[in-house]
C-alpha atoms as a PDB file:
ATOM      1  CA  MET A   1      18.394  -2.147  -3.437  1.00  0.00           C
ATOM      2  CA  ILE A   2      14.834  -2.932  -2.433  1.00  0.00           C
ATOM      3  CA  LEU A   3      12.922  -0.847   0.095  1.00  0.00           C
ATOM      4  CA  LEU A   4      10.251  -2.678   2.091  1.00  0.00           C
ATOM      5  CA  LEU A   5       7.467  -0.547   3.556  1.00  0.00           C
ATOM      6  CA  ALA A   6       4.777  -1.323   6.103  1.00  0.00           C
ATOM      7  CA  ALA A   7       2.676   0.915   8.294  1.00  0.00           C
ATOM      8  CA  VAL A   8       3.319  -0.729  11.673  1.00  0.00           C
ATOM      9  CA  PRO A   9       5.704  -3.326  13.176  1.00  0.00           C
ATOM     10  CA  LEU A  10       2.801  -5.769  13.608  1.00  0.00           C
ATOM     11  CA  GLU A  11       2.867  -6.149   9.821  1.00  0.00           C
ATOM     12  CA  THR A  12       6.572  -7.084   9.696  1.00  0.00           C
ATOM     13  CA  THR A  13       7.141  -9.527  12.586  1.00  0.00           C
ATOM     14  CA  ILE A  14       7.637 -12.569  10.342  1.00  0.00           C
ATOM     15  CA  ILE A  15       9.866 -10.766   7.855  1.00  0.00           C
ATOM     16  CA  ARG A  16      12.050  -9.333  10.603  1.00  0.00           C
ATOM     17  CA  ALA A  17      12.443 -12.811  12.106  1.00  0.00           C
ATOM     18  CA  GLN A  18      13.104 -14.725   8.894  1.00  0.00           C
ATOM     19  CA  LEU A  19      15.218 -12.121   7.100  1.00  0.00           C
ATOM     20  CA  ALA A  20      17.013 -10.640  10.095  1.00  0.00           C
ATOM     21  CA  ASP A  21      20.467 -11.305   8.650  1.00  0.00           C
ATOM     22  CA  LYS A  22      19.590  -9.848   5.253  1.00  0.00           C
ATOM     23  CA  LEU A  23      17.849  -6.572   5.958  1.00  0.00           C
ATOM     24  CA  GLN A  24      18.618  -3.275   7.590  1.00  0.00           C
ATOM     25  CA  LEU A  25      15.989  -1.370   9.523  1.00  0.00           C
ATOM     26  CA  ILE A  26      15.527   2.307   8.773  1.00  0.00           C
ATOM     27  CA  THR A  27      14.444   3.987  11.983  1.00  0.00           C
ATOM     28  CA  ARG A  28      12.604   7.237  12.403  1.00  0.00           C
ATOM     29  CA  LYS A  29      15.282   8.748  14.607  1.00  0.00           C
ATOM     30  CA  ASN A  30      18.214   7.542  12.523  1.00  0.00           C
ATOM     31  CA  PRO A  31      17.214   7.162   8.862  1.00  0.00           C
ATOM     32  CA  ALA A  32      20.649   7.859   7.380  1.00  0.00           C
ATOM     33  CA  PRO A  33      22.798   4.954   6.126  1.00  0.00           C
ATOM     34  CA  GLN A  34      25.175   3.446   8.672  1.00  0.00           C
ATOM     35  CA  PRO A  35      28.810   2.487   7.899  1.00  0.00           C
ATOM     36  CA  ASN A  36      27.909  -1.230   7.865  1.00  0.00           C
ATOM     37  CA  GLN A  37      25.192  -0.713   5.267  1.00  0.00           C
ATOM     38  CA  ALA A  38      27.445  -0.401   2.230  1.00  0.00           C
ATOM     39  CA  ASP A  39      26.573  -3.857   0.906  1.00  0.00           C
ATOM     40  CA  THR A  40      22.999  -4.013   2.182  1.00  0.00           C
ATOM     41  CA  LYS A  41      20.444  -4.636  -0.549  1.00  0.00           C
ATOM     42  CA  LEU A  42      17.279  -4.920   1.539  1.00  0.00           C
ATOM     43  CA  PHE A  43      15.930  -2.167   3.776  1.00  0.00           C
ATOM     44  CA  LEU A  44      12.762  -2.085   5.883  1.00  0.00           C
ATOM     45  CA  ALA A  45      10.929   0.993   7.128  1.00  0.00           C
ATOM     46  CA  HIS A  46       7.768   1.465   9.179  1.00  0.00           C
ATOM     47  CA  THR A  47       5.919   4.548   7.993  1.00  0.00           C
ATOM     48  CA  GLY A  48       3.092   4.862  10.493  1.00  0.00           C
ATOM     49  CA  ILE A  49      -0.635   4.611   9.841  1.00  0.00           C
ATOM     50  CA  GLY A  50      -2.394   6.771   7.285  1.00  0.00           C
ATOM     51  CA  GLN A  51      -1.597   8.883   4.266  1.00  0.00           C
ATOM     52  CA  ILE A  52       0.111  11.766   6.080  1.00  0.00           C
ATOM     53  CA  ASN A  53       2.552   9.532   7.951  1.00  0.00           C
ATOM     54  CA  MET A  54       3.288   7.530   4.809  1.00  0.00           C
ATOM     55  CA  ALA A  55       3.948  10.640   2.737  1.00  0.00           C
ATOM     56  CA  MET A  56       6.144  12.227   5.416  1.00  0.00           C
ATOM     57  CA  GLN A  57       8.228   9.160   6.260  1.00  0.00           C
ATOM     58  CA  LEU A  58       8.639   7.917   2.696  1.00  0.00           C
ATOM     59  CA  SER A  59       9.609  11.364   1.419  1.00  0.00           C
ATOM     60  CA  ARG A  60      12.244  11.603   4.114  1.00  0.00           C
ATOM     61  CA  ILE A  61      13.588   8.151   3.232  1.00  0.00           C
ATOM     62  CA  LEU A  62      13.733   8.824  -0.511  1.00  0.00           C
ATOM     63  CA  THR A  63      15.741  11.998  -0.026  1.00  0.00           C
ATOM     64  CA  ILE A  64      18.454   9.734   1.433  1.00  0.00           C
ATOM     65  CA  TYR A  65      18.057   6.422  -0.415  1.00  0.00           C
ATOM     66  CA  SER A  66      17.448   5.667  -4.087  1.00  0.00           C
ATOM     67  CA  PRO A  67      16.073   2.119  -4.167  1.00  0.00           C
ATOM     68  CA  ASP A  68      15.583   0.208  -7.394  1.00  0.00           C
ATOM     69  CA  ALA A  69      12.097  -0.717  -6.197  1.00  0.00           C
ATOM     70  CA  ALA A  70       9.788  -0.259  -3.229  1.00  0.00           C
ATOM     71  CA  ILE A  71       7.416  -2.926  -1.943  1.00  0.00           C
ATOM     72  CA  LEU A  72       4.536  -1.819   0.257  1.00  0.00           C
ATOM     73  CA  PHE A  73       2.776  -4.572   2.168  1.00  0.00           C
ATOM     74  CA  GLY A  74       0.381  -5.088   5.057  1.00  0.00           C
ATOM     75  CA  CYS A  75      -3.216  -5.985   5.767  1.00  0.00           C
ATOM     76  CA  GLY A  76      -6.332  -4.661   4.077  1.00  0.00           C
ATOM     77  CA  GLY A  77     -10.085  -5.035   3.834  1.00  0.00           C
ATOM     78  CA  ALA A  78     -11.857  -6.865   1.012  1.00  0.00           C
ATOM     79  CA  TYR A  79     -14.797  -5.202  -0.749  1.00  0.00           C
ATOM     80  CA  PRO A  80     -18.076  -7.136  -1.139  1.00  0.00           C
ATOM     81  CA  ASN A  81     -17.640  -7.954  -4.832  1.00  0.00           C
ATOM     82  CA  SER A  82     -13.922  -8.754  -4.682  1.00  0.00           C
ATOM     83  CA  GLY A  83     -14.324 -12.486  -4.110  1.00  0.00           C
ATOM     84  CA  LEU A  84     -11.500 -12.322  -1.561  1.00  0.00           C
ATOM     85  CA  GLN A  85     -11.487 -14.225   1.729  1.00  0.00           C
ATOM     86  CA  LEU A  86      -9.571 -13.844   4.993  1.00  0.00           C
ATOM     87  CA  GLY A  87      -5.928 -14.725   4.476  1.00  0.00           C
ATOM     88  CA  ASP A  88      -5.940 -14.176   0.709  1.00  0.00           C
ATOM     89  CA  THR A  89      -3.230 -12.047  -0.861  1.00  0.00           C
ATOM     90  CA  VAL A  90      -3.840  -9.492  -3.583  1.00  0.00           C
ATOM     91  CA  ILE A  91      -1.609  -7.248  -5.700  1.00  0.00           C
ATOM     92  CA  ALA A  92      -2.515  -3.639  -6.479  1.00  0.00           C
ATOM     93  CA  SER A  93      -2.804  -2.612 -10.112  1.00  0.00           C
ATOM     94  CA  SER A  94      -3.702   0.947  -9.088  1.00  0.00           C
ATOM     95  CA  GLU A  95      -4.440   3.085  -6.039  1.00  0.00           C
ATOM     96  CA  THR A  96      -7.408   5.464  -5.916  1.00  0.00           C
ATOM     97  CA  LEU A  97      -8.103   8.143  -3.316  1.00  0.00           C
ATOM     98  CA  GLY A  98     -11.521   6.836  -2.391  1.00  0.00           C
ATOM     99  CA  ASP A  99     -12.844   9.507  -0.053  1.00  0.00           C
ATOM    100  CA  THR A 100     -11.068  12.623  -1.307  1.00  0.00           C
ATOM    101  CA  GLY A 101     -13.839  14.808  -2.672  1.00  0.00           C
ATOM    102  CA  ILE A 102     -17.227  16.194  -1.653  1.00  0.00           C
ATOM    103  CA  ALA A 103     -20.130  14.218  -0.190  1.00  0.00           C
ATOM    104  CA  THR A 104     -23.427  15.680  -1.399  1.00  0.00           C
ATOM    105  CA  THR A 105     -27.064  14.703  -1.028  1.00  0.00           C
ATOM    106  CA  SER A 106     -27.011  13.459  -4.615  1.00  0.00           C
ATOM    107  CA  GLY A 107     -23.809  11.475  -4.292  1.00  0.00           C
ATOM    108  CA  PHE A 108     -20.047  11.712  -3.967  1.00  0.00           C
ATOM    109  CA  ILE A 109     -18.018  14.000  -6.236  1.00  0.00           C
ATOM    110  CA  PRO A 110     -14.369  12.942  -6.611  1.00  0.00           C
ATOM    111  CA  PHE A 111     -12.017  15.867  -6.154  1.00  0.00           C
ATOM    112  CA  GLU A 112     -10.571  15.553  -9.642  1.00  0.00           C
ATOM    113  CA  GLN A 113     -14.026  16.250 -11.094  1.00  0.00           C
ATOM    114  CA  LEU A 114     -14.318  19.671  -9.421  1.00  0.00           C
ATOM    115  CA  ASN A 115     -12.237  21.320 -12.156  1.00  0.00           C
ATOM    116  CA  ILE A 116     -10.391  23.579  -9.752  1.00  0.00           C
ATOM    117  CA  ALA A 117      -7.834  25.665 -11.623  1.00  0.00           C
ATOM    118  CA  GLU A 118      -4.271  24.471 -11.036  1.00  0.00           C
ATOM    119  CA  ASP A 119      -0.958  25.996 -12.040  1.00  0.00           C
ATOM    120  CA  HIS A 120       1.344  23.033 -12.551  1.00  0.00           C
ATOM    121  CA  GLN A 121       4.382  25.316 -12.649  1.00  0.00           C
ATOM    122  CA  LEU A 122       3.694  26.273  -9.045  1.00  0.00           C
ATOM    123  CA  ALA A 123       2.270  23.098  -7.525  1.00  0.00           C
ATOM    124  CA  PRO A 124       1.939  19.398  -8.421  1.00  0.00           C
ATOM    125  CA  GLN A 125      -1.165  18.338 -10.289  1.00  0.00           C
ATOM    126  CA  PHE A 126      -3.802  16.567  -8.222  1.00  0.00           C
ATOM    127  CA  LYS A 127      -4.532  12.994  -9.280  1.00  0.00           C
ATOM    128  CA  GLN A 128      -7.297  10.779  -7.933  1.00  0.00           C
ATOM    129  CA  CYS A 129      -5.801   7.517  -9.210  1.00  0.00           C
ATOM    130  CA  TYR A 130      -2.253   6.181  -9.596  1.00  0.00           C
ATOM    131  CA  GLN A 131      -1.224   3.227 -11.746  1.00  0.00           C
ATOM    132  CA  LEU A 132       1.399   1.017 -10.120  1.00  0.00           C
ATOM    133  CA  ASN A 133       4.477  -0.244 -11.919  1.00  0.00           C
ATOM    134  CA  SER A 134       3.494  -2.865 -14.504  1.00  0.00           C
ATOM    135  CA  THR A 135       6.949  -4.494 -14.694  1.00  0.00           C
ATOM    136  CA  LEU A 136       6.978  -5.254 -10.982  1.00  0.00           C
ATOM    137  CA  ARG A 137       3.396  -6.497 -11.129  1.00  0.00           C
ATOM    138  CA  GLU A 138       4.222  -8.849 -13.988  1.00  0.00           C
ATOM    139  CA  ARG A 139       7.216 -10.192 -12.098  1.00  0.00           C
ATOM    140  CA  ALA A 140       5.110 -10.683  -8.980  1.00  0.00           C
ATOM    141  CA  ALA A 141       2.383 -12.421 -10.983  1.00  0.00           C
ATOM    142  CA  VAL A 142       4.878 -15.037 -12.176  1.00  0.00           C
ATOM    143  CA  ILE A 143       6.337 -15.688  -8.728  1.00  0.00           C
ATOM    144  CA  LEU A 144       3.054 -15.417  -6.816  1.00  0.00           C
ATOM    145  CA  SER A 145       0.979 -17.413  -9.281  1.00  0.00           C
ATOM    146  CA  ASP A 146      -2.813 -17.318  -8.866  1.00  0.00           C
ATOM    147  CA  THR A 147      -2.590 -14.140  -6.787  1.00  0.00           C
ATOM    148  CA  PRO A 148      -5.285 -11.750  -8.069  1.00  0.00           C
ATOM    149  CA  GLN A 149      -4.496  -8.214  -9.151  1.00  0.00           C
ATOM    150  CA  GLY A 150      -6.820  -5.255  -9.206  1.00  0.00           C
ATOM    151  CA  PRO A 151      -7.598  -1.709  -8.048  1.00  0.00           C
ATOM    152  CA  PHE A 152      -6.939  -0.744  -4.445  1.00  0.00           C
ATOM    153  CA  VAL A 153      -8.689   2.081  -2.608  1.00  0.00           C
ATOM    154  CA  THR A 154      -6.971   4.376  -0.100  1.00  0.00           C
ATOM    155  CA  VAL A 155      -9.209   6.010   2.493  1.00  0.00           C
ATOM    156  CA  SER A 156      -8.943   8.092   5.625  1.00  0.00           C
ATOM    157  CA  THR A 157     -12.333   6.833   6.835  1.00  0.00           C
ATOM    158  CA  CYS A 158     -12.462   3.051   6.683  1.00  0.00           C
ATOM    159  CA  SER A 159     -15.691   1.335   5.606  1.00  0.00           C
ATOM    160  CA  GLY A 160     -17.011   0.141   8.957  1.00  0.00           C
ATOM    161  CA  HIS A 161     -20.643  -0.122   7.868  1.00  0.00           C
ATOM    162  CA  PRO A 162     -22.264  -1.744   4.810  1.00  0.00           C
ATOM    163  CA  LEU A 163     -23.545   1.414   3.117  1.00  0.00           C
ATOM    164  CA  LEU A 164     -20.116   3.028   2.915  1.00  0.00           C
ATOM    165  CA  SER A 165     -18.505  -0.234   1.851  1.00  0.00           C
ATOM    166  CA  GLU A 166     -21.027  -0.757  -0.939  1.00  0.00           C
ATOM    167  CA  GLU A 167     -20.759   2.861  -2.065  1.00  0.00           C
ATOM    168  CA  LEU A 168     -16.983   2.663  -2.467  1.00  0.00           C
ATOM    169  CA  ASP A 169     -17.217  -0.770  -4.030  1.00  0.00           C
ATOM    170  CA  ASN A 170     -19.709   0.422  -6.640  1.00  0.00           C
ATOM    171  CA  ARG A 171     -17.949   3.710  -7.324  1.00  0.00           C
ATOM    172  CA  VAL A 172     -14.335   2.546  -7.519  1.00  0.00           C
ATOM    173  CA  SER A 173     -14.698  -1.212  -8.200  1.00  0.00           C
ATOM    174  CA  GLY A 174     -11.789  -1.829  -5.871  1.00  0.00           C
ATOM    175  CA  LEU A 175     -10.605  -5.125  -4.458  1.00  0.00           C
ATOM    176  CA  CYS A 176      -8.881  -3.967  -1.302  1.00  0.00           C
ATOM    177  CA  GLU A 177      -9.221  -1.013   1.083  1.00  0.00           C
ATOM    178  CA  ASN A 178      -6.247   0.447   2.923  1.00  0.00           C
ATOM    179  CA  MET A 179      -4.983   3.715   4.409  1.00  0.00           C
ATOM    180  CA  GLU A 180      -1.532   4.318   2.883  1.00  0.00           C
ATOM    181  CA  GLY A 181      -1.248   3.048  -0.687  1.00  0.00           C
ATOM    182  CA  ALA A 182      -2.131   6.141  -2.697  1.00  0.00           C
ATOM    183  CA  ALA A 183       0.255   8.267  -0.639  1.00  0.00           C
ATOM    184  CA  ALA A 184       3.081   5.807  -1.296  1.00  0.00           C
ATOM    185  CA  ALA A 185       2.218   5.790  -5.001  1.00  0.00           C
ATOM    186  CA  ARG A 186       2.277   9.586  -5.149  1.00  0.00           C
ATOM    187  CA  VAL A 187       5.630   9.889  -3.395  1.00  0.00           C
ATOM    188  CA  CYS A 188       7.200   7.099  -5.452  1.00  0.00           C
ATOM    189  CA  GLU A 189       5.959   8.782  -8.619  1.00  0.00           C
ATOM    190  CA  GLU A 190       7.588  12.041  -7.511  1.00  0.00           C
ATOM    191  CA  PHE A 191      10.915  10.297  -6.838  1.00  0.00           C
ATOM    192  CA  ASN A 192      10.617   7.998  -9.886  1.00  0.00           C
ATOM    193  CA  ILE A 193      10.746   4.818  -7.803  1.00  0.00           C
ATOM    194  CA  PRO A 194       8.842   1.728  -9.058  1.00  0.00           C
ATOM    195  CA  LEU A 195       6.270   0.591  -6.495  1.00  0.00           C
ATOM    196  CA  LEU A 196       4.683  -2.795  -5.873  1.00  0.00           C
ATOM    197  CA  GLU A 197       1.912  -3.207  -3.291  1.00  0.00           C
ATOM    198  CA  ILE A 198       0.812  -6.510  -1.755  1.00  0.00           C
ATOM    199  CA  ARG A 199      -1.932  -6.858   0.864  1.00  0.00           C
ATOM    200  CA  GLY A 200      -3.208  -9.753   2.913  1.00  0.00           C
ATOM    201  CA  ILE A 201      -6.926  -9.710   3.620  1.00  0.00           C
ATOM    202  CA  SER A 202      -7.643  -9.288   7.320  1.00  0.00           C
ATOM    203  CA  ASN A 203     -11.350  -8.436   7.145  1.00  0.00           C
ATOM    204  CA  PRO A 204     -14.299  -7.737   4.912  1.00  0.00           C
ATOM    205  CA  THR A 205     -15.174  -4.077   4.599  1.00  0.00           C
ATOM    206  CA  GLY A 206     -18.533  -2.947   5.931  1.00  0.00           C
ATOM    207  CA  THR A 207     -18.364  -4.490   9.395  1.00  0.00           C
ATOM    208  CA  ARG A 208     -16.662  -4.126  12.752  1.00  0.00           C
ATOM    209  CA  ASP A 209     -17.725  -7.592  13.898  1.00  0.00           C
ATOM    210  CA  PRO A 210     -14.603  -9.050  15.584  1.00  0.00           C
ATOM    211  CA  GLN A 211     -15.644 -12.536  14.493  1.00  0.00           C
ATOM    212  CA  GLN A 212     -15.056 -11.474  10.882  1.00  0.00           C
ATOM    213  CA  TRP A 213     -11.667  -9.871  11.508  1.00  0.00           C
ATOM    214  CA  ASN A 214      -8.287 -11.624  11.699  1.00  0.00           C
ATOM    215  CA  ILE A 215      -5.468  -9.114  11.459  1.00  0.00           C
ATOM    216  CA  PRO A 216      -2.682 -11.626  12.272  1.00  0.00           C
ATOM    217  CA  LYS A 217      -3.875 -13.844   9.403  1.00  0.00           C
ATOM    218  CA  GLY A 218      -3.915 -10.942   6.974  1.00  0.00           C
ATOM    219  CA  THR A 219      -0.515  -9.617   7.976  1.00  0.00           C
ATOM    220  CA  ALA A 220       1.025 -13.100   7.836  1.00  0.00           C
ATOM    221  CA  ALA A 221      -0.332 -13.715   4.333  1.00  0.00           C
ATOM    222  CA  ALA A 222       1.208 -10.506   3.033  1.00  0.00           C
ATOM    223  CA  GLN A 223       4.579 -11.217   4.650  1.00  0.00           C
ATOM    224  CA  TYR A 224       4.856 -14.769   3.340  1.00  0.00           C
ATOM    225  CA  ALA A 225       4.040 -13.470  -0.131  1.00  0.00           C
ATOM    226  CA  VAL A 226       6.789 -10.841   0.119  1.00  0.00           C
ATOM    227  CA  ILE A 227       9.286 -13.422   1.398  1.00  0.00           C
ATOM    228  CA  LYS A 228       8.490 -15.721  -1.527  1.00  0.00           C
ATOM    229  CA  LEU A 229       8.844 -12.799  -3.895  1.00  0.00           C
ATOM    230  CA  LEU A 230      12.235 -11.831  -2.496  1.00  0.00           C
ATOM    231  CA  GLU A 231      13.502 -15.416  -2.543  1.00  0.00           C
ATOM    232  CA  ASN A 232      12.814 -15.563  -6.276  1.00  0.00           C
ATOM    233  CA  TRP A 233      13.752 -11.986  -7.142  1.00  0.00           C
ATOM    234  CA  SER A 234      16.225 -11.735 -10.017  1.00  0.00           C
END
């Protein structure tokens, strides 16, 4: 069983059209398996935008289903030094919480560097960065040849101006900015589910200029990559 994840239906229009006879939608109001789902191997869920929605919806899903793998896909923003262009696809090697920490006059302090005492018997350990499943990434690299891989950055405040974009780029050295990846990685780690993340570039970070944005192009690129991956999945 493979679980497909995207934040919003806009990011799944092509997949729902082309794979309609092969996948089962998991809805928010009715997430439990239906009687006709016994032989279904491909499920699709929309989690909502942002880390909180992703964590809530995915946790609810994984208490019911136990997929062999999860594939998160959608659009994302390319950092200045990534070399990525509109419509490119990119695979996440890791997900870092880019803006979880403290902003000071002398710079940003990632939360994991604050050395706050934690009792891991009582609560999960905080992690700033999550490595994604290497086996899935290697498989994807073979099928989606020439698709770059690298660090992704999850934020709650997107980089809509150059200074913030450059700061995150320099600090994290990420390729792609998004709003859900780290939350999905954390939940999948908790449930021991291998995660693969694929994004299509819809915009450069650091600008809100509509002439530089093309969300349909980014979402289409990610979906065609996932379709190709599934067609060649062994």
